[in-house]
N, C-alpha and C. Protein backbone atom coordinates (compact mmCIF):
# COMPACT_ATOMS: atom_id res chain seq x y z
N MET A 1 0.60 -1.28 -0.81
CA MET A 1 0.21 0.00 -0.22
C MET A 1 0.97 1.38 -0.25
N THR A 2 0.63 2.50 -1.22
CA THR A 2 1.82 3.21 -0.72
C THR A 2 1.36 4.15 0.31
N ASP A 3 1.90 5.08 0.43
CA ASP A 3 1.31 6.03 1.18
C ASP A 3 0.15 6.51 1.45
N THR A 4 -0.12 7.57 0.11
CA THR A 4 -1.37 8.06 -0.15
C THR A 4 -2.63 6.94 -0.12
N GLU A 5 -2.41 6.01 -0.79
CA GLU A 5 -3.24 5.19 -0.10
C GLU A 5 -3.98 5.25 1.70
N GLN A 6 -2.77 4.62 2.23
CA GLN A 6 -3.49 4.17 3.75
C GLN A 6 -2.85 5.81 4.54
N GLN A 7 -2.89 6.85 3.66
CA GLN A 7 -3.35 7.84 4.55
C GLN A 7 -4.70 8.31 4.06
N ASN A 8 -5.38 7.55 3.34
CA ASN A 8 -6.87 7.59 2.73
C ASN A 8 -7.53 6.16 2.92
N THR A 9 -7.34 5.61 3.98
CA THR A 9 -8.11 4.09 3.94
C THR A 9 -8.42 4.97 5.12
N ARG A 10 -10.20 4.59 5.51
CA ARG A 10 -10.14 4.98 6.58
C ARG A 10 -10.05 4.29 8.01
N ASP A 11 -9.70 4.61 9.47
CA ASP A 11 -9.72 3.87 10.42
C ASP A 11 -10.42 4.19 11.12
N PRO A 12 -11.95 3.94 11.40
CA PRO A 12 -13.10 4.44 13.04
C PRO A 12 -12.38 5.43 13.69
N ALA A 13 -11.30 3.92 14.01
CA ALA A 13 -11.05 5.42 15.20
C ALA A 13 -9.63 6.66 14.97
N GLY A 14 -9.88 6.56 13.84
CA GLY A 14 -8.46 7.89 13.37
C GLY A 14 -9.69 8.61 12.80
N ASP A 15 -10.82 9.17 12.69
CA ASP A 15 -11.78 9.43 12.02
C ASP A 15 -11.44 11.05 12.01
N SER A 16 -10.84 11.16 13.27
CA SER A 16 -10.82 12.41 13.85
C SER A 16 -10.00 13.13 12.83
N GLY A 17 -8.74 12.23 13.11
CA GLY A 17 -7.93 12.70 12.43
C GLY A 17 -7.61 13.18 10.81
N LEU A 18 -8.52 12.45 10.30
CA LEU A 18 -9.25 12.19 8.85
C LEU A 18 -9.14 13.72 8.44
N CYS A 19 -10.12 14.23 9.75
CA CYS A 19 -10.97 15.36 9.30
C CYS A 19 -9.63 16.77 9.36
N GLN A 20 -9.40 16.30 9.93
CA GLN A 20 -8.75 17.38 10.28
C GLN A 20 -7.30 17.38 9.74
N SER A 21 -7.26 16.49 8.50
CA SER A 21 -6.07 16.54 7.16
C SER A 21 -6.66 17.03 6.41
N CYS A 22 -8.40 17.18 6.24
CA CYS A 22 -8.68 16.69 4.99
C CYS A 22 -9.81 18.41 4.65
N GLY A 23 -10.33 18.68 5.55
CA GLY A 23 -11.37 19.80 5.22
C GLY A 23 -12.16 20.27 3.92
N ALA A 24 -12.23 19.29 2.86
CA ALA A 24 -12.91 19.58 2.33
C ALA A 24 -14.00 19.65 2.38
N CYS A 25 -14.77 18.65 3.00
CA CYS A 25 -16.67 19.05 3.36
C CYS A 25 -16.30 20.62 3.17
N CYS A 26 -16.29 20.77 4.34
CA CYS A 26 -16.20 22.70 4.56
C CYS A 26 -15.86 23.08 3.79
N ALA A 27 -14.54 23.15 2.69
CA ALA A 27 -14.61 23.63 1.68
C ALA A 27 -15.52 23.56 0.70
N HIS A 28 -15.83 23.12 0.18
CA HIS A 28 -17.28 22.28 -0.35
C HIS A 28 -18.77 22.36 0.18
N SER A 29 -18.63 23.65 1.02
CA SER A 29 -19.89 23.66 1.83
C SER A 29 -21.23 24.69 1.45
N HIS A 30 -20.86 25.52 0.79
CA HIS A 30 -21.81 26.81 0.14
C HIS A 30 -23.11 25.95 -1.02
N GLU A 31 -22.54 24.81 -1.33
CA GLU A 31 -23.92 24.34 -2.05
C GLU A 31 -24.49 23.61 -1.06
N TRP A 32 -24.18 23.17 0.07
CA TRP A 32 -25.46 22.54 1.21
C TRP A 32 -25.92 22.84 1.89
N PRO A 33 -27.36 22.75 2.03
CA PRO A 33 -28.02 23.20 2.52
C PRO A 33 -28.08 23.65 4.03
N ARG A 34 -28.32 24.16 4.68
CA ARG A 34 -27.97 24.74 6.00
C ARG A 34 -29.16 24.65 7.20
N PHE A 35 -28.78 24.61 7.98
CA PHE A 35 -30.15 25.37 9.81
C PHE A 35 -31.48 24.61 9.12
N THR A 36 -31.88 22.98 9.14
CA THR A 36 -32.84 22.34 8.17
C THR A 36 -32.99 22.28 9.52
N LEU A 37 -32.69 21.78 10.36
CA LEU A 37 -32.62 20.56 11.63
C LEU A 37 -32.07 21.36 13.06
N GLU A 38 -31.26 22.54 13.17
CA GLU A 38 -31.18 23.12 13.60
C GLU A 38 -32.08 24.39 15.22
N SER A 39 -32.66 23.38 15.94
CA SER A 39 -33.83 24.71 16.78
C SER A 39 -33.06 26.30 17.04
N ASP A 40 -33.72 27.15 17.40
CA ASP A 40 -33.35 28.44 17.28
C ASP A 40 -32.07 28.94 18.13
N ASP A 41 -32.31 27.84 19.53
CA ASP A 41 -31.35 27.61 20.52
C ASP A 41 -29.56 27.30 19.86
N GLU A 42 -30.11 26.30 19.31
CA GLU A 42 -28.39 25.46 18.72
C GLU A 42 -28.47 26.62 17.19
N ILE A 43 -28.75 27.60 16.46
CA ILE A 43 -28.72 28.36 15.86
C ILE A 43 -27.66 29.98 16.52
N ALA A 44 -28.51 30.11 18.15
CA ALA A 44 -27.90 30.67 18.42
C ALA A 44 -27.26 31.06 18.92
N ARG A 45 -26.07 29.77 19.06
CA ARG A 45 -24.57 29.58 19.86
C ARG A 45 -23.83 29.93 18.64
N ILE A 46 -23.87 29.78 18.20
CA ILE A 46 -23.17 30.29 16.24
C ILE A 46 -22.52 31.83 16.61
N PRO A 47 -21.79 31.77 16.18
CA PRO A 47 -21.38 33.76 16.30
C PRO A 47 -22.13 34.16 15.12
N PRO A 48 -23.17 35.19 15.28
CA PRO A 48 -23.75 35.50 14.05
C PRO A 48 -22.73 36.51 13.49
N ALA A 49 -21.27 36.74 13.18
CA ALA A 49 -20.60 36.71 12.22
C ALA A 49 -20.09 35.55 11.29
N LEU A 50 -21.04 34.29 11.80
CA LEU A 50 -20.65 33.23 11.26
C LEU A 50 -21.73 32.74 10.01
N ILE A 51 -23.02 33.32 10.51
CA ILE A 51 -23.85 33.12 9.63
C ILE A 51 -24.24 33.84 9.02
N ALA A 52 -24.90 33.17 7.57
CA ALA A 52 -25.10 33.65 6.73
C ALA A 52 -26.13 34.76 6.61
N ALA A 53 -26.28 36.15 5.10
CA ALA A 53 -26.84 37.30 5.71
C ALA A 53 -27.95 37.28 5.82
N ASP A 54 -29.14 36.05 5.37
CA ASP A 54 -29.82 35.46 4.23
C ASP A 54 -30.67 34.37 6.09
N GLY A 55 -29.62 34.10 6.89
CA GLY A 55 -29.98 33.10 8.13
C GLY A 55 -30.27 31.64 7.84
N SER A 56 -30.07 31.49 5.99
CA SER A 56 -30.39 30.48 6.46
C SER A 56 -29.16 28.82 6.11
N GLY A 57 -27.38 29.69 6.89
CA GLY A 57 -27.07 28.54 6.75
C GLY A 57 -25.83 29.42 7.09
N MET A 58 -24.28 28.75 7.61
CA MET A 58 -23.54 29.05 7.36
C MET A 58 -22.92 30.03 6.53
N ARG A 59 -22.17 31.25 6.63
CA ARG A 59 -20.93 32.27 6.09
C ARG A 59 -19.94 31.60 5.44
N CYS A 60 -19.95 31.74 4.17
CA CYS A 60 -19.21 30.82 3.13
C CYS A 60 -18.11 32.53 2.43
N ASP A 61 -17.10 32.51 2.66
CA ASP A 61 -16.06 33.30 1.42
C ASP A 61 -15.70 32.18 0.72
N GLY A 62 -16.48 32.50 -0.20
CA GLY A 62 -16.47 31.63 -1.99
C GLY A 62 -17.33 30.66 -1.53
N GLU A 63 -16.59 29.12 -1.78
CA GLU A 63 -16.94 27.64 -1.53
C GLU A 63 -17.01 27.58 0.20
N ARG A 64 -16.23 28.26 0.88
CA ARG A 64 -15.25 27.46 1.87
C ARG A 64 -16.13 28.33 3.21
N CYS A 65 -16.71 27.27 4.37
CA CYS A 65 -17.44 27.58 5.74
C CYS A 65 -16.67 28.70 5.78
N THR A 66 -16.77 29.73 6.30
CA THR A 66 -15.85 30.39 7.72
C THR A 66 -15.39 30.24 8.24
N ALA A 67 -16.54 28.88 9.29
CA ALA A 67 -15.68 28.94 10.11
C ALA A 67 -14.54 27.88 10.00
N LEU A 68 -14.29 27.60 8.75
CA LEU A 68 -13.11 26.40 8.65
C LEU A 68 -11.88 27.40 8.69
N ALA A 69 -11.11 26.76 10.01
CA ALA A 69 -9.03 27.15 10.46
C ALA A 69 -8.23 26.21 9.18
N GLY A 70 -7.17 26.43 8.58
CA GLY A 70 -6.58 25.77 8.15
C GLY A 70 -6.15 25.91 6.71
N THR A 71 -5.65 24.78 6.06
CA THR A 71 -5.06 24.58 4.97
C THR A 71 -5.88 23.69 4.49
N ILE A 72 -6.93 23.28 3.29
CA ILE A 72 -7.65 21.98 3.12
C ILE A 72 -6.37 21.03 2.32
N ASN A 73 -6.58 20.06 2.85
CA ASN A 73 -5.67 18.81 2.49
C ASN A 73 -4.42 18.98 3.05
N SER A 74 -4.33 19.42 4.59
CA SER A 74 -3.00 19.74 5.01
C SER A 74 -3.66 19.63 6.50
N ALA A 75 -4.07 20.36 7.35
CA ALA A 75 -4.31 21.13 8.62
C ALA A 75 -5.19 21.67 9.03
N VAL A 76 -6.59 21.01 9.58
CA VAL A 76 -7.68 22.34 9.35
C VAL A 76 -7.85 22.22 10.81
N SER A 77 -9.28 22.90 11.08
CA SER A 77 -10.33 22.71 12.28
C SER A 77 -11.41 23.76 11.85
N CYS A 78 -12.36 23.06 12.93
CA CYS A 78 -13.79 24.16 12.25
C CYS A 78 -13.49 25.24 14.03
N THR A 79 -13.80 25.95 13.85
CA THR A 79 -13.75 26.96 15.10
C THR A 79 -14.85 27.39 15.80
N ILE A 80 -15.54 25.94 15.50
CA ILE A 80 -17.25 26.05 15.92
C ILE A 80 -17.37 24.58 16.65
N TYR A 81 -16.43 23.18 16.30
CA TYR A 81 -16.63 22.45 16.18
C TYR A 81 -18.08 22.19 17.34
N ALA A 82 -17.67 22.56 18.19
CA ALA A 82 -19.00 22.74 19.39
C ALA A 82 -20.10 22.61 19.23
N VAL A 83 -19.81 23.45 18.44
CA VAL A 83 -21.74 23.88 17.91
C VAL A 83 -21.73 24.05 16.50
N ARG A 84 -21.41 22.92 15.53
CA ARG A 84 -21.50 23.36 14.27
C ARG A 84 -22.69 22.71 13.83
N PRO A 85 -23.49 23.30 12.54
CA PRO A 85 -24.84 22.73 12.32
C PRO A 85 -24.89 20.89 11.80
N ILE A 86 -25.98 20.71 12.10
CA ILE A 86 -26.29 19.38 11.79
C ILE A 86 -26.14 18.49 10.82
N VAL A 87 -25.79 19.50 9.77
CA VAL A 87 -25.13 19.27 8.15
C VAL A 87 -23.93 19.10 8.25
N CYS A 88 -22.81 19.15 9.38
CA CYS A 88 -21.74 19.06 9.53
C CYS A 88 -21.04 17.79 10.30
N ARG A 89 -22.29 17.92 11.50
CA ARG A 89 -21.83 16.69 12.49
C ARG A 89 -22.34 15.55 11.54
N ASP A 90 -23.75 15.12 10.60
CA ASP A 90 -23.58 14.42 9.15
C ASP A 90 -22.62 13.77 8.75
N CYS A 91 -21.69 14.57 8.14
CA CYS A 91 -20.80 14.19 7.48
C CYS A 91 -19.98 13.48 7.85
N LEU A 92 -19.41 12.48 7.05
CA LEU A 92 -18.76 11.32 8.32
C LEU A 92 -17.30 11.21 6.62
N PRO A 93 -16.36 10.55 7.06
CA PRO A 93 -15.02 9.84 6.21
C PRO A 93 -15.74 9.27 5.90
N GLY A 94 -15.48 9.05 4.66
CA GLY A 94 -15.71 8.20 3.82
C GLY A 94 -17.12 8.32 2.52
N ASP A 95 -18.12 9.17 3.58
CA ASP A 95 -19.32 8.64 3.16
C ASP A 95 -19.84 10.01 1.52
N ASP A 96 -21.00 9.47 1.32
CA ASP A 96 -21.19 9.99 -0.28
C ASP A 96 -20.78 11.33 0.00
N ALA A 97 -21.49 12.52 0.62
CA ALA A 97 -21.17 14.11 0.90
C ALA A 97 -19.70 13.97 0.86
N CYS A 98 -18.45 13.29 1.80
CA CYS A 98 -17.49 13.24 1.65
C CYS A 98 -16.76 12.98 0.57
N THR A 99 -16.67 12.15 -0.26
CA THR A 99 -16.19 11.47 -1.00
C THR A 99 -17.26 12.97 -2.44
N MET A 100 -17.70 13.24 -2.41
CA MET A 100 -18.55 14.54 -3.30
C MET A 100 -17.22 15.27 -3.04
N ALA A 101 -17.61 15.65 -1.75
CA ALA A 101 -16.03 17.24 -1.49
C ALA A 101 -14.51 17.16 -1.73
N ARG A 102 -14.04 15.64 -1.72
CA ARG A 102 -12.96 15.77 -2.20
C ARG A 102 -12.69 15.20 -3.50
N THR A 103 -13.76 14.83 -4.25
CA THR A 103 -13.52 14.60 -5.49
C THR A 103 -13.53 16.23 -6.40
N ALA A 104 -14.49 17.16 -5.35
CA ALA A 104 -13.94 18.30 -5.94
C ALA A 104 -13.70 18.88 -5.71
N ARG A 105 -12.76 18.59 -5.15
CA ARG A 105 -10.66 19.32 -4.62
C ARG A 105 -10.00 18.35 -4.97
N ASN A 106 -10.36 17.26 -6.15
CA ASN A 106 -8.98 16.27 -6.88
C ASN A 106 -8.35 15.94 -5.87
N LEU A 107 -9.12 15.36 -4.73
CA LEU A 107 -8.75 14.02 -3.79
C LEU A 107 -8.96 13.37 -3.43
N PRO A 108 -8.18 12.01 -3.59
CA PRO A 108 -9.07 10.71 -3.84
C PRO A 108 -10.00 10.31 -2.68
N PRO A 109 -11.04 9.89 -2.93
CA PRO A 109 -12.18 8.82 -2.19
C PRO A 109 -11.18 8.13 -0.79
N ILE A 110 -12.45 8.25 0.42
CA ILE A 110 -11.56 7.62 2.29
C ILE A 110 -11.94 5.97 1.56
N THR A 111 -11.22 4.97 1.90
CA THR A 111 -11.64 4.02 1.71
C THR A 111 -12.26 3.10 2.96
């Protein structure tokens, strides 16, 4: 197995590490619906500066969520991880949303 294949092989115990070295989903977030299942209280915990002007979801700078810090495919983190929207919580390493986002960034899928 090559280094790249090994890096993109899913290990459930290391999922957070995969996400923290990727960030593709957060850099592809302008296309995804937001705030569909969140309560008003949950949305209120997100800093207003990070919410889109129309209140529909997270504010993006181009395609990238403004809550994302770091460099895609290197080292990233969510600045509001504890209060991130449900759609963000539901995106898991290797799932369809992850694969779509990684493909858009010319990254191989996580297997």
